[in-house]
Amino acid sequence: MEARAVLRYVPIAPRKVRLIADLVRNRDVNSALDILKFTNKAGAVPVEKVIRSALANAGQNSEIGVDDLYIKTIYVDNGPIRYWARFKGRLHINRIRRRRCHITVILDDGAEQ
């Protein structure tokens, strides 16, 4: 059985969060949370949050063994980008892009149906 959680509109660039997602992909949940606990990157906090949410979702289903879960799929999609301009010297404009992302985690217990 699978458990799924999605965290949307995270105010971090997707490229930064994908680095963290690659660290924990295909690992069991406990070791993934340990890795995220000691990872010194800003993207580790929302990834840990969404993994804990998926773990809580799995706990609501009595058919899923919570101790045997591993991260089957984790991916980071682009969210909306907020654009604005900051004026520079001599009539130049510096365009600023504030990126957001959506994080999706699917946990599985490895039991075939």
PDB file of N, CA and C in Angstrom:
ATOM      1  N   MET A   1       0.839  -1.188   0.000  1.00  0.00           N
ATOM      2  CA  MET A   1       0.000   0.000   0.000  1.00  0.00           C
ATOM      3  C   MET A   1       0.881   1.248   0.000  1.00  0.00           C
ATOM      4  N   GLU A   2       0.331   2.293  -0.528  1.00  0.00           N
ATOM      5  CA  GLU A   2       1.059   3.542  -0.648  1.00  0.00           C
ATOM      6  C   GLU A   2       0.425   4.634   0.188  1.00  0.00           C
ATOM      7  N   ALA A   3       1.238   5.552   0.627  1.00  0.00           N
ATOM      8  CA  ALA A   3       0.785   6.767   1.298  1.00  0.00           C
ATOM      9  C   ALA A   3       1.426   7.943   0.580  1.00  0.00           C
ATOM     10  N   ARG A   4       0.660   9.008   0.433  1.00  0.00           N
ATOM     11  CA  ARG A   4       1.101  10.119  -0.395  1.00  0.00           C
ATOM     12  C   ARG A   4       0.905  11.428   0.353  1.00  0.00           C
ATOM     13  N   ALA A   5       1.806  12.380   0.122  1.00  0.00           N
ATOM     14  CA  ALA A   5       1.670  13.726   0.679  1.00  0.00           C
ATOM     15  C   ALA A   5       2.269  14.728  -0.298  1.00  0.00           C
ATOM     16  N   VAL A   6       1.660  15.904  -0.367  1.00  0.00           N
ATOM     17  CA  VAL A   6       2.107  16.956  -1.274  1.00  0.00           C
ATOM     18  C   VAL A   6       2.223  18.251  -0.485  1.00  0.00           C
ATOM     19  N   LEU A   7       3.324  18.933  -0.656  1.00  0.00           N
ATOM     20  CA  LEU A   7       3.527  20.252  -0.069  1.00  0.00           C
ATOM     21  C   LEU A   7       3.671  21.231  -1.224  1.00  0.00           C
ATOM     22  N   ARG A   8       2.780  22.212  -1.267  1.00  0.00           N
ATOM     23  CA  ARG A   8       2.735  23.115  -2.415  1.00  0.00           C
ATOM     24  C   ARG A   8       3.170  24.516  -2.023  1.00  0.00           C
ATOM     25  N   TYR A   9       3.648  25.240  -3.029  1.00  0.00           N
ATOM     26  CA  TYR A   9       4.039  26.648  -2.912  1.00  0.00           C
ATOM     27  C   TYR A   9       5.141  26.867  -1.865  1.00  0.00           C
ATOM     28  N   VAL A  10       6.135  26.018  -1.883  1.00  0.00           N
ATOM     29  CA  VAL A  10       7.282  26.165  -0.989  1.00  0.00           C
ATOM     30  C   VAL A  10       8.168  27.281  -1.556  1.00  0.00           C
ATOM     31  N   PRO A  11       8.508  28.295  -0.763  1.00  0.00           N
ATOM     32  CA  PRO A  11       9.246  29.438  -1.315  1.00  0.00           C
ATOM     33  C   PRO A  11      10.760  29.215  -1.429  1.00  0.00           C
ATOM     34  N   ILE A  12      11.128  28.103  -2.034  1.00  0.00           N
ATOM     35  CA  ILE A  12      12.534  27.791  -2.315  1.00  0.00           C
ATOM     36  C   ILE A  12      12.610  27.342  -3.767  1.00  0.00           C
ATOM     37  N   ALA A  13      13.683  27.659  -4.435  1.00  0.00           N
ATOM     38  CA  ALA A  13      13.841  27.281  -5.835  1.00  0.00           C
ATOM     39  C   ALA A  13      13.847  25.759  -5.969  1.00  0.00           C
ATOM     40  N   PRO A  14      13.190  25.216  -6.987  1.00  0.00           N
ATOM     41  CA  PRO A  14      13.124  23.759  -7.152  1.00  0.00           C
ATOM     42  C   PRO A  14      14.485  23.098  -7.323  1.00  0.00           C
ATOM     43  N   ARG A  15      15.419  23.798  -7.925  1.00  0.00           N
ATOM     44  CA  ARG A  15      16.751  23.234  -8.137  1.00  0.00           C
ATOM     45  C   ARG A  15      17.434  22.929  -6.812  1.00  0.00           C
ATOM     46  N   LYS A  16      17.215  23.775  -5.807  1.00  0.00           N
ATOM     47  CA  LYS A  16      17.823  23.566  -4.500  1.00  0.00           C
ATOM     48  C   LYS A  16      17.171  22.404  -3.760  1.00  0.00           C
ATOM     49  N   VAL A  17      15.865  22.251  -3.924  1.00  0.00           N
ATOM     50  CA  VAL A  17      15.158  21.184  -3.210  1.00  0.00           C
ATOM     51  C   VAL A  17      15.412  19.830  -3.868  1.00  0.00           C
ATOM     52  N   ARG A  18      15.652  19.813  -5.183  1.00  0.00           N
ATOM     53  CA  ARG A  18      15.942  18.549  -5.869  1.00  0.00           C
ATOM     54  C   ARG A  18      17.237  17.920  -5.378  1.00  0.00           C
ATOM     55  N   LEU A  19      18.200  18.740  -4.962  1.00  0.00           N
ATOM     56  CA  LEU A  19      19.434  18.202  -4.395  1.00  0.00           C
ATOM     57  C   LEU A  19      19.145  17.386  -3.140  1.00  0.00           C
ATOM     58  N   ILE A  20      18.231  17.864  -2.320  1.00  0.00           N
ATOM     59  CA  ILE A  20      17.864  17.170  -1.091  1.00  0.00           C
ATOM     60  C   ILE A  20      17.018  15.941  -1.407  1.00  0.00           C
ATOM     61  N   ALA A  21      16.138  16.057  -2.376  1.00  0.00           N
ATOM     62  CA  ALA A  21      15.283  14.923  -2.748  1.00  0.00           C
ATOM     63  C   ALA A  21      16.122  13.755  -3.264  1.00  0.00           C
ATOM     64  N   ASP A  22      17.212  14.065  -3.950  1.00  0.00           N
ATOM     65  CA  ASP A  22      18.082  13.000  -4.454  1.00  0.00           C
ATOM     66  C   ASP A  22      18.799  12.263  -3.320  1.00  0.00           C
ATOM     67  N   LEU A  23      19.013  12.936  -2.204  1.00  0.00           N
ATOM     68  CA  LEU A  23      19.670  12.285  -1.068  1.00  0.00           C
ATOM     69  C   LEU A  23      18.812  11.194  -0.437  1.00  0.00           C
ATOM     70  N   VAL A  24      17.494  11.395  -0.393  1.00  0.00           N
ATOM     71  CA  VAL A  24      16.624  10.493   0.357  1.00  0.00           C
ATOM     72  C   VAL A  24      15.802   9.558  -0.520  1.00  0.00           C
ATOM     73  N   ARG A  25      15.923   9.651  -1.821  1.00  0.00           N
ATOM     74  CA  ARG A  25      15.141   8.792  -2.714  1.00  0.00           C
ATOM     75  C   ARG A  25      15.529   7.325  -2.534  1.00  0.00           C
ATOM     76  N   ASN A  26      14.542   6.431  -2.474  1.00  0.00           N
ATOM     77  CA  ASN A  26      14.693   4.979  -2.330  1.00  0.00           C
ATOM     78  C   ASN A  26      15.315   4.556  -1.000  1.00  0.00           C
ATOM     79  N   ARG A  27      15.167   5.335   0.022  1.00  0.00           N
ATOM     80  CA  ARG A  27      15.651   4.972   1.361  1.00  0.00           C
ATOM     81  C   ARG A  27      14.454   4.713   2.268  1.00  0.00           C
ATOM     82  N   ASP A  28      14.704   3.979   3.359  1.00  0.00           N
ATOM     83  CA  ASP A  28      13.612   3.806   4.308  1.00  0.00           C
ATOM     84  C   ASP A  28      13.414   5.116   5.067  1.00  0.00           C
ATOM     85  N   VAL A  29      12.223   5.289   5.642  1.00  0.00           N
ATOM     86  CA  VAL A  29      11.812   6.573   6.190  1.00  0.00           C
ATOM     87  C   VAL A  29      12.702   7.006   7.356  1.00  0.00           C
ATOM     88  N   ASN A  30      13.057   6.068   8.233  1.00  0.00           N
ATOM     89  CA  ASN A  30      13.862   6.442   9.399  1.00  0.00           C
ATOM     90  C   ASN A  30      15.247   6.945   9.010  1.00  0.00           C
ATOM     91  N   SER A  31      15.904   6.277   8.082  1.00  0.00           N
ATOM     92  CA  SER A  31      17.228   6.742   7.670  1.00  0.00           C
ATOM     93  C   SER A  31      17.131   8.043   6.885  1.00  0.00           C
ATOM     94  N   ALA A  32      16.047   8.220   6.127  1.00  0.00           N
ATOM     95  CA  ALA A  32      15.861   9.474   5.394  1.00  0.00           C
ATOM     96  C   ALA A  32      15.678  10.643   6.350  1.00  0.00           C
ATOM     97  N   LEU A  33      14.910  10.434   7.417  1.00  0.00           N
ATOM     98  CA  LEU A  33      14.727  11.509   8.399  1.00  0.00           C
ATOM     99  C   LEU A  33      16.020  11.820   9.143  1.00  0.00           C
ATOM    100  N   ASP A  34      16.843  10.798   9.391  1.00  0.00           N
ATOM    101  CA  ASP A  34      18.143  11.042  10.014  1.00  0.00           C
ATOM    102  C   ASP A  34      19.058  11.854   9.105  1.00  0.00           C
ATOM    103  N   ILE A  35      19.042  11.533   7.823  1.00  0.00           N
ATOM    104  CA  ILE A  35      19.860  12.282   6.865  1.00  0.00           C
ATOM    105  C   ILE A  35      19.412  13.734   6.811  1.00  0.00           C
ATOM    106  N   LEU A  36      18.108  13.959   6.760  1.00  0.00           N
ATOM    107  CA  LEU A  36      17.584  15.322   6.671  1.00  0.00           C
ATOM    108  C   LEU A  36      17.855  16.123   7.941  1.00  0.00           C
ATOM    109  N   LYS A  37      17.894  15.433   9.060  1.00  0.00           N
ATOM    110  CA  LYS A  37      18.140  16.113  10.334  1.00  0.00           C
ATOM    111  C   LYS A  37      19.528  16.753  10.364  1.00  0.00           C
ATOM    112  N   PHE A  38      20.495  16.111   9.737  1.00  0.00           N
ATOM    113  CA  PHE A  38      21.866  16.603   9.766  1.00  0.00           C
ATOM    114  C   PHE A  38      22.315  17.244   8.460  1.00  0.00           C
ATOM    115  N   THR A  39      21.390  17.493   7.558  1.00  0.00           N
ATOM    116  CA  THR A  39      21.714  18.163   6.304  1.00  0.00           C
ATOM    117  C   THR A  39      21.574  19.665   6.503  1.00  0.00           C
ATOM    118  N   ASN A  40      22.614  20.386   6.186  1.00  0.00           N
ATOM    119  CA  ASN A  40      22.650  21.824   6.416  1.00  0.00           C
ATOM    120  C   ASN A  40      22.260  22.579   5.143  1.00  0.00           C
ATOM    121  N   LYS A  41      21.040  22.363   4.681  1.00  0.00           N
ATOM    122  CA  LYS A  41      20.505  23.052   3.506  1.00  0.00           C
ATOM    123  C   LYS A  41      19.101  23.524   3.847  1.00  0.00           C
ATOM    124  N   ALA A  42      18.681  24.607   3.226  1.00  0.00           N
ATOM    125  CA  ALA A  42      17.355  25.158   3.502  1.00  0.00           C
ATOM    126  C   ALA A  42      16.249  24.232   2.999  1.00  0.00           C
ATOM    127  N   GLY A  43      16.511  23.469   1.949  1.00  0.00           N
ATOM    128  CA  GLY A  43      15.500  22.583   1.395  1.00  0.00           C
ATOM    129  C   GLY A  43      15.232  21.357   2.242  1.00  0.00           C
ATOM    130  N   ALA A  44      16.058  21.076   3.236  1.00  0.00           N
ATOM    131  CA  ALA A  44      15.869  19.887   4.063  1.00  0.00           C
ATOM    132  C   ALA A  44      14.645  20.016   4.961  1.00  0.00           C
ATOM    133  N   VAL A  45      14.320  21.221   5.380  1.00  0.00           N
ATOM    134  CA  VAL A  45      13.193  21.425   6.301  1.00  0.00           C
ATOM    135  C   VAL A  45      11.856  21.101   5.632  1.00  0.00           C
ATOM    136  N   PRO A  46      11.528  21.647   4.441  1.00  0.00           N
ATOM    137  CA  PRO A  46      10.250  21.273   3.833  1.00  0.00           C
ATOM    138  C   PRO A  46      10.186  19.818   3.382  1.00  0.00           C
ATOM    139  N   VAL A  47      11.319  19.242   2.976  1.00  0.00           N
ATOM    140  CA  VAL A  47      11.307  17.830   2.584  1.00  0.00           C
ATOM    141  C   VAL A  47      11.017  16.950   3.796  1.00  0.00           C
ATOM    142  N   GLU A  48      11.609  17.276   4.934  1.00  0.00           N
ATOM    143  CA  GLU A  48      11.323  16.527   6.156  1.00  0.00           C
ATOM    144  C   GLU A  48       9.857  16.684   6.553  1.00  0.00           C
ATOM    145  N   LYS A  49       9.326  17.865   6.381  1.00  0.00           N
ATOM    146  CA  LYS A  49       7.928  18.128   6.723  1.00  0.00           C
ATOM    147  C   LYS A  49       6.970  17.290   5.884  1.00  0.00           C
ATOM    148  N   VAL A  50       7.228  17.189   4.588  1.00  0.00           N
ATOM    149  CA  VAL A  50       6.327  16.430   3.724  1.00  0.00           C
ATOM    150  C   VAL A  50       6.490  14.925   3.941  1.00  0.00           C
ATOM    151  N   ILE A  51       7.690  14.457   4.299  1.00  0.00           N
ATOM    152  CA  ILE A  51       7.880  13.036   4.600  1.00  0.00           C
ATOM    153  C   ILE A  51       7.139  12.670   5.881  1.00  0.00           C
ATOM    154  N   ARG A  52       7.212  13.544   6.888  1.00  0.00           N
ATOM    155  CA  ARG A  52       6.461  13.295   8.131  1.00  0.00           C
ATOM    156  C   ARG A  52       4.952  13.321   7.889  1.00  0.00           C
ATOM    157  N   SER A  53       4.507  14.165   6.985  1.00  0.00           N
ATOM    158  CA  SER A  53       3.085  14.208   6.644  1.00  0.00           C
ATOM    159  C   SER A  53       2.643  12.915   5.956  1.00  0.00           C
ATOM    160  N   ALA A  54       3.461  12.412   5.042  1.00  0.00           N
ATOM    161  CA  ALA A  54       3.139  11.149   4.381  1.00  0.00           C
ATOM    162  C   ALA A  54       3.159   9.996   5.373  1.00  0.00           C
ATOM    163  N   LEU A  55       4.064  10.051   6.348  1.00  0.00           N
ATOM    164  CA  LEU A  55       4.127   9.027   7.390  1.00  0.00           C
ATOM    165  C   LEU A  55       2.866   9.055   8.251  1.00  0.00           C
ATOM    166  N   ALA A  56       2.379  10.243   8.557  1.00  0.00           N
ATOM    167  CA  ALA A  56       1.136  10.370   9.311  1.00  0.00           C
ATOM    168  C   ALA A  56      -0.059   9.886   8.494  1.00  0.00           C
ATOM    169  N   ASN A  57      -0.040  10.142   7.195  1.00  0.00           N
ATOM    170  CA  ASN A  57      -1.109   9.644   6.328  1.00  0.00           C
ATOM    171  C   ASN A  57      -1.105   8.119   6.284  1.00  0.00           C
ATOM    172  N   ALA A  58       0.081   7.538   6.294  1.00  0.00           N
ATOM    173  CA  ALA A  58       0.177   6.076   6.299  1.00  0.00           C
ATOM    174  C   ALA A  58      -0.318   5.505   7.617  1.00  0.00           C
ATOM    175  N   GLY A  59      -0.119   6.224   8.708  1.00  0.00           N
ATOM    176  CA  GLY A  59      -0.579   5.759  10.010  1.00  0.00           C
ATOM    177  C   GLY A  59      -2.090   5.713  10.118  1.00  0.00           C
ATOM    178  N   GLN A  60      -2.794   6.466   9.286  1.00  0.00           N
ATOM    179  CA  GLN A  60      -4.254   6.461   9.291  1.00  0.00           C
ATOM    180  C   GLN A  60      -4.829   5.211   8.631  1.00  0.00           C
ATOM    181  N   ASN A  61      -4.031   4.543   7.797  1.00  0.00           N
ATOM    182  CA  ASN A  61      -4.478   3.346   7.094  1.00  0.00           C
ATOM    183  C   ASN A  61      -4.000   2.123   7.873  1.00  0.00           C
ATOM    184  N   SER A  62      -4.934   1.282   8.278  1.00  0.00           N
ATOM    185  CA  SER A  62      -4.572   0.119   9.095  1.00  0.00           C
ATOM    186  C   SER A  62      -3.893  -0.989   8.289  1.00  0.00           C
ATOM    187  N   GLU A  63      -3.956  -0.932   6.964  1.00  0.00           N
ATOM    188  CA  GLU A  63      -3.357  -1.963   6.123  1.00  0.00           C
ATOM    189  C   GLU A  63      -1.857  -1.749   5.902  1.00  0.00           C
ATOM    190  N   ILE A  64      -1.355  -0.589   6.252  1.00  0.00           N
ATOM    191  CA  ILE A  64       0.053  -0.263   5.995  1.00  0.00           C
ATOM    192  C   ILE A  64       0.872  -0.445   7.262  1.00  0.00           C
ATOM    193  N   GLY A  65       1.961  -1.192   7.157  1.00  0.00           N
ATOM    194  CA  GLY A  65       2.897  -1.325   8.267  1.00  0.00           C
ATOM    195  C   GLY A  65       3.836  -0.128   8.284  1.00  0.00           C
ATOM    196  N   VAL A  66       3.729   0.732   9.272  1.00  0.00           N
ATOM    197  CA  VAL A  66       4.460   1.995   9.306  1.00  0.00           C
ATOM    198  C   VAL A  66       5.964   1.764   9.454  1.00  0.00           C
ATOM    199  N   ASP A  67       6.381   0.679  10.083  1.00  0.00           N
ATOM    200  CA  ASP A  67       7.807   0.432  10.315  1.00  0.00           C
ATOM    201  C   ASP A  67       8.548   0.020   9.048  1.00  0.00           C
ATOM    202  N   ASP A  68       7.835  -0.480   8.036  1.00  0.00           N
ATOM    203  CA  ASP A  68       8.477  -1.008   6.831  1.00  0.00           C
ATOM    204  C   ASP A  68       8.453  -0.034   5.665  1.00  0.00           C
ATOM    205  N   LEU A  69       8.097   1.210   5.885  1.00  0.00           N
ATOM    206  CA  LEU A  69       7.929   2.150   4.780  1.00  0.00           C
ATOM    207  C   LEU A  69       9.268   2.640   4.245  1.00  0.00           C
ATOM    208  N   TYR A  70       9.298   2.850   2.940  1.00  0.00           N
ATOM    209  CA  TYR A  70      10.442   3.472   2.297  1.00  0.00           C
ATOM    210  C   TYR A  70       9.925   4.506   1.302  1.00  0.00           C
ATOM    211  N   ILE A  71      10.792   5.401   0.881  1.00  0.00           N
ATOM    212  CA  ILE A  71      10.401   6.463  -0.042  1.00  0.00           C
ATOM    213  C   ILE A  71      10.461   5.906  -1.454  1.00  0.00           C
ATOM    214  N   LYS A  72       9.313   5.590  -1.979  1.00  0.00           N
ATOM    215  CA  LYS A  72       9.220   5.018  -3.317  1.00  0.00           C
ATOM    216  C   LYS A  72       9.483   6.092  -4.372  1.00  0.00           C
ATOM    217  N   THR A  73       8.815   7.219  -4.221  1.00  0.00           N
ATOM    218  CA  THR A  73       8.940   8.302  -5.190  1.00  0.00           C
ATOM    219  C   THR A  73       8.976   9.633  -4.453  1.00  0.00           C
ATOM    220  N   ILE A  74       9.882  10.484  -4.855  1.00  0.00           N
ATOM    221  CA  ILE A  74       9.890  11.868  -4.383  1.00  0.00           C
ATOM    222  C   ILE A  74      10.287  12.723  -5.577  1.00  0.00           C
ATOM    223  N   TYR A  75       9.479  13.735  -5.857  1.00  0.00           N
ATOM    224  CA  TYR A  75       9.813  14.632  -6.949  1.00  0.00           C
ATOM    225  C   TYR A  75       9.414  16.055  -6.612  1.00  0.00           C
ATOM    226  N   VAL A  76      10.098  16.979  -7.264  1.00  0.00           N
ATOM    227  CA  VAL A  76       9.917  18.407  -7.020  1.00  0.00           C
ATOM    228  C   VAL A  76       9.544  19.059  -8.345  1.00  0.00           C
ATOM    229  N   ASP A  77       8.386  19.691  -8.378  1.00  0.00           N
ATOM    230  CA  ASP A  77       7.908  20.374  -9.575  1.00  0.00           C
ATOM    231  C   ASP A  77       8.052  21.881  -9.415  1.00  0.00           C
ATOM    232  N   ASN A  78       8.062  22.568 -10.543  1.00  0.00           N
ATOM    233  CA  ASN A  78       8.099  24.020 -10.510  1.00  0.00           C
ATOM    234  C   ASN A  78       6.754  24.573 -10.078  1.00  0.00           C
ATOM    235  N   GLY A  79       6.788  25.580  -9.263  1.00  0.00           N
ATOM    236  CA  GLY A  79       5.587  26.297  -8.871  1.00  0.00           C
ATOM    237  C   GLY A  79       5.530  27.623  -9.616  1.00  0.00           C
ATOM    238  N   PRO A  80       4.635  28.498  -9.206  1.00  0.00           N
ATOM    239  CA  PRO A  80       4.571  29.802  -9.863  1.00  0.00           C
ATOM    240  C   PRO A  80       5.790  30.651  -9.525  1.00  0.00           C
ATOM    241  N   ILE A  81       6.128  31.529 -10.435  1.00  0.00           N
ATOM    242  CA  ILE A  81       7.268  32.419 -10.257  1.00  0.00           C
ATOM    243  C   ILE A  81       6.741  33.850 -10.151  1.00  0.00           C
ATOM    244  N   ARG A  82       7.187  34.556  -9.125  1.00  0.00           N
ATOM    245  CA  ARG A  82       6.791  35.950  -8.953  1.00  0.00           C
ATOM    246  C   ARG A  82       7.879  36.826  -9.550  1.00  0.00           C
ATOM    247  N   TYR A  83       7.491  37.693 -10.467  1.00  0.00           N
ATOM    248  CA  TYR A  83       8.430  38.579 -11.145  1.00  0.00           C
ATOM    249  C   TYR A  83       8.252  39.999 -10.645  1.00  0.00           C
ATOM    250  N   TRP A  84       9.359  40.704 -10.499  1.00  0.00           N
ATOM    251  CA  TRP A  84       9.305  42.135 -10.312  1.00  0.00           C
ATOM    252  C   TRP A  84      10.633  42.717 -10.733  1.00  0.00           C
ATOM    253  N   ALA A  85      10.684  44.035 -10.795  1.00  0.00           N
ATOM    254  CA  ALA A  85      11.874  44.693 -11.325  1.00  0.00           C
ATOM    255  C   ALA A  85      12.457  45.614 -10.275  1.00  0.00           C
ATOM    256  N   ARG A  86      13.775  45.689 -10.263  1.00  0.00           N
ATOM    257  CA  ARG A  86      14.485  46.636  -9.420  1.00  0.00           C
ATOM    258  C   ARG A  86      15.323  47.515 -10.351  1.00  0.00           C
ATOM    259  N   PHE A  87      15.217  48.789 -10.157  1.00  0.00           N
ATOM    260  CA  PHE A  87      15.902  49.717 -11.049  1.00  0.00           C
ATOM    261  C   PHE A  87      17.372  49.824 -10.676  1.00  0.00           C
ATOM    262  N   LYS A  88      18.206  49.810 -11.701  1.00  0.00           N
ATOM    263  CA  LYS A  88      19.645  49.935 -11.544  1.00  0.00           C
ATOM    264  C   LYS A  88      20.058  51.320 -12.034  1.00  0.00           C
ATOM    265  N   GLY A  89      21.318  51.581 -12.065  1.00  0.00           N
ATOM    266  CA  GLY A  89      21.799  52.876 -12.520  1.00  0.00           C
ATOM    267  C   GLY A  89      21.655  53.057 -14.019  1.00  0.00           C
ATOM    268  N   ARG A  90      21.551  54.270 -14.444  1.00  0.00           N
ATOM    269  CA  ARG A  90      21.514  54.660 -15.864  1.00  0.00           C
ATOM    270  C   ARG A  90      20.380  53.989 -16.622  1.00  0.00           C
ATOM    271  N   LEU A  91      19.189  53.962 -16.019  1.00  0.00           N
ATOM    272  CA  LEU A  91      17.955  53.485 -16.653  1.00  0.00           C
ATOM    273  C   LEU A  91      17.965  51.996 -16.989  1.00  0.00           C
ATOM    274  N   HIS A  92      18.739  51.215 -16.286  1.00  0.00           N
ATOM    275  CA  HIS A  92      18.712  49.770 -16.468  1.00  0.00           C
ATOM    276  C   HIS A  92      17.767  49.158 -15.445  1.00  0.00           C
ATOM    277  N   ILE A  93      17.213  48.015 -15.803  1.00  0.00           N
ATOM    278  CA  ILE A  93      16.285  47.321 -14.912  1.00  0.00           C
ATOM    279  C   ILE A  93      16.838  45.929 -14.639  1.00  0.00           C
ATOM    280  N   ASN A  94      16.883  45.549 -13.376  1.00  0.00           N
ATOM    281  CA  ASN A  94      17.289  44.210 -12.977  1.00  0.00           C
ATOM    282  C   ASN A  94      16.020  43.413 -12.688  1.00  0.00           C
ATOM    283  N   ARG A  95      15.759  42.385 -13.446  1.00  0.00           N
ATOM    284  CA  ARG A  95      14.560  41.578 -13.282  1.00  0.00           C
ATOM    285  C   ARG A  95      14.800  40.522 -12.202  1.00  0.00           C
ATOM    286  N   ILE A  96      13.888  40.436 -11.250  1.00  0.00           N
ATOM    287  CA  ILE A  96      14.024  39.507 -10.134  1.00  0.00           C
ATOM    288  C   ILE A  96      12.944  38.452 -10.251  1.00  0.00           C
ATOM    289  N   ARG A  97      13.338  37.181 -10.101  1.00  0.00           N
ATOM    290  CA  ARG A  97      12.398  36.061 -10.158  1.00  0.00           C
ATOM    291  C   ARG A  97      12.427  35.331  -8.831  1.00  0.00           C
ATOM    292  N   ARG A  98      11.294  35.272  -8.160  1.00  0.00           N
ATOM    293  CA  ARG A  98      11.186  34.544  -6.893  1.00  0.00           C
ATOM    294  C   ARG A  98      10.491  33.226  -7.195  1.00  0.00           C
ATOM    295  N   ARG A  99      11.253  32.132  -7.111  1.00  0.00           N
ATOM    296  CA  ARG A  99      10.738  30.829  -7.527  1.00  0.00           C
ATOM    297  C   ARG A  99      10.109  30.075  -6.367  1.00  0.00           C
ATOM    298  N   ARG A 100       9.128  29.232  -6.692  1.00  0.00           N
ATOM    299  CA  ARG A 100       8.479  28.361  -5.715  1.00  0.00           C
ATOM    300  C   ARG A 100       8.442  26.946  -6.285  1.00  0.00           C
ATOM    301  N   CYS A 101       8.154  25.979  -5.419  1.00  0.00           N
ATOM    302  CA  CYS A 101       8.114  24.599  -5.891  1.00  0.00           C
ATOM    303  C   CYS A 101       7.026  23.822  -5.167  1.00  0.00           C
ATOM    304  N   HIS A 102       6.688  22.672  -5.737  1.00  0.00           N
ATOM    305  CA  HIS A 102       5.754  21.719  -5.149  1.00  0.00           C
ATOM    306  C   HIS A 102       6.521  20.418  -4.917  1.00  0.00           C
ATOM    307  N   ILE A 103       6.414  19.857  -3.699  1.00  0.00           N
ATOM    308  CA  ILE A 103       7.127  18.627  -3.348  1.00  0.00           C
ATOM    309  C   ILE A 103       6.103  17.514  -3.154  1.00  0.00           C
ATOM    310  N   THR A 104       6.308  16.389  -3.810  1.00  0.00           N
ATOM    311  CA  THR A 104       5.420  15.231  -3.690  1.00  0.00           C
ATOM    312  C   THR A 104       6.223  14.028  -3.232  1.00  0.00           C
ATOM    313  N   VAL A 105       5.697  13.326  -2.205  1.00  0.00           N
ATOM    314  CA  VAL A 105       6.345  12.134  -1.664  1.00  0.00           C
ATOM    315  C   VAL A 105       5.341  10.998  -1.668  1.00  0.00           C
ATOM    316  N   ILE A 106       5.773   9.829  -2.144  1.00  0.00           N
ATOM    317  CA  ILE A 106       4.967   8.616  -2.097  1.00  0.00           C
ATOM    318  C   ILE A 106       5.756   7.567  -1.323  1.00  0.00           C
ATOM    319  N   LEU A 107       5.180   7.103  -0.231  1.00  0.00           N
ATOM    320  CA  LEU A 107       5.786   6.058   0.598  1.00  0.00           C
ATOM    321  C   LEU A 107       5.128   4.730   0.271  1.00  0.00           C
ATOM    322  N   ASP A 108       5.910   3.655   0.359  1.00  0.00           N
ATOM    323  CA  ASP A 108       5.396   2.313   0.072  1.00  0.00           C
ATOM    324  C   ASP A 108       5.980   1.357   1.088  1.00  0.00           C
ATOM    325  N   ASP A 109       5.203   0.315   1.413  1.00  0.00           N
ATOM    326  CA  ASP A 109       5.698  -0.678   2.370  1.00  0.00           C
ATOM    327  C   ASP A 109       6.306  -1.898   1.688  1.00  0.00           C
ATOM    328  N   GLY A 110       6.280  -1.941   0.371  1.00  0.00           N
ATOM    329  CA  GLY A 110       6.897  -3.028  -0.366  1.00  0.00           C
ATOM    330  C   GLY A 110       6.053  -4.275  -0.495  1.00  0.00           C
ATOM    331  N   ALA A 111       4.876  -4.299   0.098  1.00  0.00           N
ATOM    332  CA  ALA A 111       4.001  -5.465   0.013  1.00  0.00           C
ATOM    333  C   ALA A 111       3.241  -5.428  -1.303  1.00  0.00           C
ATOM    334  N   GLU A 112       3.333  -6.515  -2.046  1.00  0.00           N
ATOM    335  CA  GLU A 112       2.593  -6.617  -3.305  1.00  0.00           C
ATOM    336  C   GLU A 112       1.150  -6.986  -3.026  1.00  0.00           C
ATOM    337  N   GLN A 113       0.282  -6.575  -3.917  1.00  0.00           N
ATOM    338  CA  GLN A 113      -1.149  -6.829  -3.694  1.00  0.00           C
ATOM    339  C   GLN A 113      -1.624  -8.020  -4.473  1.00  0.00           C
TER     340      GLN A 113
END
